[in-house]
Amino acid sequence: MLDQRYATDIYERVKRKSYVTLRPVILTASVALLGFLPMALSTTAGAEVQKPLAATPLTLLILLALYIL
């Protein structure tokens, strides 16, 4: 059997590493999604092409948030 102290140490290491690893990924994805917002709200020439491209990731984000709630 593993020593309780050793098991807790492993748990803390995994928790810390997952935080360090996931944080940049989440921040990068958030910036990309926020970058789609002006495309989705655009009314200028060429917006007919840009709106569907931007609406897909934004819709997925909204549906995910509703699913979590």
Protein backbone atom coordinates (compact mmCIF):
# COMPACT_ATOMS: atom_id res chain seq x y z
CA MET A 1 0.00 0.00 0.00
CA LEU A 2 1.04 3.56 -0.60
CA ASP A 3 1.83 5.77 2.31
CA GLN A 4 -0.96 8.33 2.84
CA ARG A 5 1.55 11.18 2.76
CA TYR A 6 2.96 9.96 -0.57
CA ALA A 7 -0.53 9.63 -2.09
CA THR A 8 -1.42 13.17 -1.03
CA ASP A 9 1.83 14.43 -2.51
CA ILE A 10 1.00 12.81 -5.85
CA TYR A 11 -2.51 14.29 -5.76
CA GLU A 12 -1.11 17.77 -5.11
CA ARG A 13 1.47 17.40 -7.88
CA VAL A 14 -1.15 16.35 -10.42
CA LYS A 15 -3.44 19.16 -9.32
CA ARG A 16 -0.68 21.77 -9.62
CA LYS A 17 0.53 20.46 -12.99
CA SER A 18 -2.99 20.39 -14.44
CA TYR A 19 -3.50 24.00 -13.35
CA VAL A 20 -0.20 25.03 -14.93
CA THR A 21 -0.98 23.13 -18.13
CA LEU A 22 -4.65 24.03 -18.59
CA ARG A 23 -4.42 27.72 -17.78
CA PRO A 24 -2.61 28.75 -21.01
CA VAL A 25 -4.91 26.56 -23.10
CA ILE A 26 -8.04 28.10 -21.59
CA LEU A 27 -6.70 31.63 -21.93
CA THR A 28 -5.76 31.06 -25.57
CA ALA A 29 -9.18 29.63 -26.39
CA SER A 30 -10.89 32.53 -24.61
CA VAL A 31 -8.96 35.11 -26.58
CA ALA A 32 -9.78 33.33 -29.83
CA LEU A 33 -13.49 33.24 -28.99
CA LEU A 34 -13.51 36.91 -28.01
CA GLY A 35 -11.84 37.65 -31.34
CA PHE A 36 -14.83 36.13 -33.12
CA LEU A 37 -17.22 38.55 -31.46
CA PRO A 38 -16.55 41.53 -33.79
CA MET A 39 -16.90 39.21 -36.78
CA ALA A 40 -20.28 37.98 -35.56
CA LEU A 41 -21.59 41.50 -34.93
CA SER A 42 -20.18 43.04 -38.09
CA THR A 43 -22.51 44.79 -40.54
CA THR A 44 -19.94 45.88 -43.12
CA ALA A 45 -19.37 44.53 -46.60
CA GLY A 46 -18.41 40.87 -46.54
CA ALA A 47 -20.19 40.23 -43.26
CA GLU A 48 -22.40 37.63 -44.95
CA VAL A 49 -19.37 35.37 -45.14
CA GLN A 50 -17.89 36.21 -41.74
CA LYS A 51 -21.02 35.91 -39.61
CA PRO A 52 -21.55 32.14 -40.02
CA LEU A 53 -17.84 31.51 -39.47
CA ALA A 54 -17.91 33.43 -36.19
CA ALA A 55 -21.33 32.24 -35.07
CA THR A 56 -20.36 28.57 -34.89
CA PRO A 57 -17.72 28.78 -32.12
CA LEU A 58 -19.74 31.38 -30.23
CA THR A 59 -22.83 29.17 -30.34
CA LEU A 60 -20.82 26.22 -29.08
CA LEU A 61 -19.53 28.34 -26.20
CA ILE A 62 -23.04 29.47 -25.25
CA LEU A 63 -24.44 25.94 -25.45
CA LEU A 64 -21.61 24.63 -23.30
CA ALA A 65 -22.26 27.31 -20.68
CA LEU A 66 -25.98 26.48 -20.65
CA TYR A 67 -25.22 22.78 -20.37
CA ILE A 68 -22.96 23.35 -17.37
CA LEU A 69 -25.59 25.47 -15.62
